[in-house]
């Protein structure tokens, strides 16, 4: 019988992490996130969109809404990949942050798919705003848990929740570029760390 080593101080079982797979998840998430930023940025800057009524009349309305789907997938891949690289040392804060963010992103993605299907904004009352706020809180909890692990620099963890919201679901003009820069910084930092090992 094989037993896993335990962390006696906390009573948790240590789980081996496939580091290359976790790194690939982060890189894939970052690439998908950058693609989402390109789609969203192009729709915000170059495409005509409908304002005010909520009914979709232009291609930009669809592109802007559809960009939410890769944003959601990217965020889930990146945060769970980083959590795996941290070997769950981010504790309960990191775990709750990952799951809260994922649940809120599922709600937002569902609302965006419904919006695309019915050709107008489906916000389900305050659900869109509350789910967006939930992703901010989830990202903040994840970053707070990650603060002590040392995997990512603290300056990056401090700005990540705000950059996440203003670069994705509450984007205006060129603000998605901040999120793309954040994804690039995460990949570069993780690459530099892997070459030092």
Protein backbone atom coordinates (compact mmCIF):
# COMPACT_ATOMS: atom_id res chain seq x y z
CA UNK A 1 0.00 0.00 0.00
CA UNK A 2 1.33 3.43 -0.95
CA UNK A 3 0.73 6.35 1.36
CA UNK A 4 1.03 9.99 0.59
CA UNK A 5 3.11 12.15 2.92
CA UNK A 6 1.08 14.41 5.13
CA UNK A 7 1.60 17.91 6.32
CA UNK A 8 1.20 17.20 10.02
CA UNK A 9 0.93 20.86 11.02
CA UNK A 10 -2.21 21.30 8.98
CA UNK A 11 -3.41 17.72 8.62
CA UNK A 12 -3.45 17.90 4.83
CA UNK A 13 -2.26 15.34 2.36
CA UNK A 14 0.46 16.49 -0.01
CA UNK A 15 -0.50 16.07 -3.66
CA UNK A 16 2.13 15.66 -6.33
CA UNK A 17 1.72 18.17 -9.11
CA UNK A 18 2.62 17.65 -12.72
CA UNK A 19 4.58 20.87 -13.15
CA UNK A 20 4.91 20.75 -16.96
CA UNK A 21 1.15 20.25 -17.32
CA UNK A 22 0.43 23.13 -14.94
CA UNK A 23 2.84 25.40 -16.85
CA UNK A 24 1.19 24.43 -20.14
CA UNK A 25 -2.22 25.27 -18.66
CA UNK A 26 -0.97 28.72 -17.64
CA UNK A 27 0.62 29.37 -21.04
CA UNK A 28 -2.47 28.12 -22.89
CA UNK A 29 -4.70 30.26 -20.67
CA UNK A 30 -2.53 33.30 -21.25
CA UNK A 31 -2.59 32.73 -25.02
CA UNK A 32 -6.37 32.34 -25.01
CA UNK A 33 -6.63 35.46 -22.82
CA UNK A 34 -4.51 37.47 -25.23
CA UNK A 35 -6.71 36.25 -28.12
CA UNK A 36 -9.77 37.39 -26.15
CA UNK A 37 -8.13 40.78 -25.60
CA UNK A 38 -7.48 41.12 -29.33
CA UNK A 39 -11.10 40.25 -30.14
CA UNK A 40 -12.48 42.55 -27.45
CA UNK A 41 -10.09 45.39 -28.26
CA UNK A 42 -10.86 45.21 -31.96
CA UNK A 43 -14.60 45.25 -31.23
CA UNK A 44 -14.24 48.20 -28.83
CA UNK A 45 -11.97 50.28 -31.04
CA UNK A 46 -12.84 49.41 -34.64
CA UNK A 47 -16.33 47.93 -34.78
CA UNK A 48 -19.58 49.79 -34.50
CA UNK A 49 -21.61 48.68 -31.51
CA UNK A 50 -25.11 49.42 -30.32
CA UNK A 51 -25.33 51.61 -27.27
CA UNK A 52 -28.20 52.07 -24.91
CA UNK A 53 -30.93 49.77 -26.18
CA UNK A 54 -29.26 46.42 -25.57
CA UNK A 55 -30.54 44.98 -28.89
CA UNK A 56 -27.75 43.81 -31.18
CA UNK A 57 -27.70 45.56 -34.52
CA UNK A 58 -24.01 45.43 -35.50
CA UNK A 59 -21.34 42.76 -35.82
CA UNK A 60 -19.35 44.51 -33.08
CA UNK A 61 -22.10 43.67 -30.59
CA UNK A 62 -21.61 39.96 -31.24
CA UNK A 63 -17.80 40.12 -31.22
CA UNK A 64 -17.75 42.06 -27.97
CA UNK A 65 -20.10 39.61 -26.29
CA UNK A 66 -18.38 36.52 -27.72
CA UNK A 67 -15.02 37.70 -26.35
CA UNK A 68 -16.32 36.87 -22.86
CA UNK A 69 -16.08 33.15 -23.54
CA UNK A 70 -12.31 32.98 -24.13
CA UNK A 71 -11.83 35.47 -21.26
CA UNK A 72 -13.56 33.05 -18.91
CA UNK A 73 -11.66 30.00 -20.16
CA UNK A 74 -8.34 31.86 -19.97
CA UNK A 75 -8.88 32.95 -16.39
CA UNK A 76 -9.81 29.44 -15.24
CA UNK A 77 -6.77 27.88 -16.93
CA UNK A 78 -4.40 30.50 -15.54
CA UNK A 79 -5.59 30.50 -11.92
CA UNK A 80 -5.89 26.73 -11.61
CA UNK A 81 -2.52 26.28 -13.38
CA UNK A 82 -0.86 28.72 -11.00
CA UNK A 83 -2.56 27.06 -8.04
CA UNK A 84 -1.12 23.72 -9.18
CA UNK A 85 2.35 25.28 -9.55
CA UNK A 86 2.01 26.61 -6.01
CA UNK A 87 1.16 23.05 -4.92
CA UNK A 88 -1.91 24.42 -3.15
CA UNK A 89 0.26 26.41 -0.71
CA UNK A 90 -2.14 29.31 -1.26
CA UNK A 91 -4.42 27.59 1.24
CA UNK A 92 -8.13 28.07 1.63
CA UNK A 93 -8.01 31.63 0.31
CA UNK A 94 -6.57 30.42 -2.97
CA UNK A 95 -8.99 27.51 -3.20
CA UNK A 96 -12.06 29.63 -2.45
CA UNK A 97 -10.79 32.31 -4.84
CA UNK A 98 -10.38 29.78 -7.66
CA UNK A 99 -13.83 28.29 -7.20
CA UNK A 100 -15.62 31.61 -6.65
CA UNK A 101 -14.00 33.06 -9.76
CA UNK A 102 -14.87 29.94 -11.78
CA UNK A 103 -18.50 29.89 -10.62
CA UNK A 104 -18.98 33.59 -11.39
CA UNK A 105 -17.31 33.14 -14.78
CA UNK A 106 -19.69 30.28 -15.56
CA UNK A 107 -22.62 32.60 -14.80
CA UNK A 108 -21.15 35.37 -16.96
CA UNK A 109 -20.39 32.98 -19.82
CA UNK A 110 -23.95 31.63 -19.64
CA UNK A 111 -25.37 35.14 -19.78
CA UNK A 112 -23.16 35.95 -22.77
CA UNK A 113 -24.19 32.78 -24.63
CA UNK A 114 -27.84 33.64 -23.94
CA UNK A 115 -27.20 37.18 -25.19
CA UNK A 116 -25.74 35.86 -28.43
CA UNK A 117 -28.69 33.50 -28.88
CA UNK A 118 -31.43 36.12 -28.36
CA UNK A 119 -29.50 39.00 -29.99
CA UNK A 120 -29.69 41.40 -27.05
CA UNK A 121 -28.08 41.82 -23.64
CA UNK A 122 -29.25 39.24 -21.12
CA UNK A 123 -28.16 40.46 -17.71
CA UNK A 124 -30.72 38.63 -15.58
CA UNK A 125 -31.36 41.62 -13.35
CA UNK A 126 -28.31 42.40 -11.23
CA UNK A 127 -26.69 39.03 -12.01
CA UNK A 128 -24.13 40.39 -14.50
CA UNK A 129 -22.93 43.08 -12.11
CA UNK A 130 -22.89 40.71 -9.12
CA UNK A 131 -21.05 37.99 -11.05
CA UNK A 132 -18.48 40.51 -12.28
CA UNK A 133 -18.03 41.68 -8.68
CA UNK A 134 -17.74 38.00 -7.68
CA UNK A 135 -14.86 37.51 -10.13
CA UNK A 136 -13.12 40.54 -8.62
CA UNK A 137 -13.56 39.13 -5.10
CA UNK A 138 -12.51 35.65 -6.24
CA UNK A 139 -9.38 36.97 -7.94
CA UNK A 140 -8.57 39.06 -4.86
CA UNK A 141 -8.91 35.99 -2.62
CA UNK A 142 -6.76 33.92 -4.98
CA UNK A 143 -4.09 36.64 -5.06
CA UNK A 144 -4.22 37.03 -1.26
CA UNK A 145 -3.65 33.31 -0.87
CA UNK A 146 -0.85 33.39 -3.43
CA UNK A 147 0.85 36.30 -1.66
CA UNK A 148 2.84 34.08 0.70
CA UNK A 149 3.86 31.39 -1.81
CA UNK A 150 6.50 33.49 -3.58
CA UNK A 151 5.70 32.07 -7.01
CA UNK A 152 4.63 35.44 -8.43
CA UNK A 153 5.89 38.87 -7.40
CA UNK A 154 3.70 40.73 -4.95
CA UNK A 155 3.32 43.77 -7.21
CA UNK A 156 1.70 41.52 -9.82
CA UNK A 157 -0.63 39.94 -7.24
CA UNK A 158 -1.58 43.42 -5.99
CA UNK A 159 -2.71 44.68 -9.41
CA UNK A 160 -4.12 41.45 -10.83
CA UNK A 161 -7.74 41.69 -9.49
CA UNK A 162 -8.24 45.26 -10.71
CA UNK A 163 -6.54 44.63 -14.06
CA UNK A 164 -8.69 41.51 -14.45
CA UNK A 165 -11.97 43.40 -14.11
CA UNK A 166 -11.06 46.50 -16.15
CA UNK A 167 -9.47 44.33 -18.83
CA UNK A 168 -12.30 41.85 -19.25
CA UNK A 169 -15.92 42.20 -18.17
CA UNK A 170 -15.82 45.93 -17.36
CA UNK A 171 -13.56 46.94 -20.25
CA UNK A 172 -13.56 50.35 -21.86
CA UNK A 173 -11.57 51.49 -24.87
CA UNK A 174 -8.04 50.03 -24.76
CA UNK A 175 -8.17 48.75 -21.15
CA UNK A 176 -8.02 45.09 -22.29
CA UNK A 177 -4.38 45.73 -23.21
CA UNK A 178 -3.61 45.88 -19.48
CA UNK A 179 -4.91 42.34 -19.09
CA UNK A 180 -2.83 41.16 -22.06
CA UNK A 181 0.24 42.74 -20.46
CA UNK A 182 -0.56 40.95 -17.20
CA UNK A 183 -0.79 37.59 -18.98
CA UNK A 184 2.52 38.23 -20.75
CA UNK A 185 4.15 39.18 -17.42
CA UNK A 186 2.89 35.96 -15.77
CA UNK A 187 4.27 33.78 -18.59
CA UNK A 188 7.63 35.60 -18.65
CA UNK A 189 8.01 35.38 -14.86
CA UNK A 190 7.16 31.67 -14.82
CA UNK A 191 9.54 31.02 -17.73
CA UNK A 192 12.39 32.79 -15.96
CA UNK A 193 11.73 30.79 -12.81
CA UNK A 194 11.77 27.50 -14.73
CA UNK A 195 15.13 28.30 -16.34
CA UNK A 196 16.67 28.99 -12.92
CA UNK A 197 15.75 25.57 -11.56
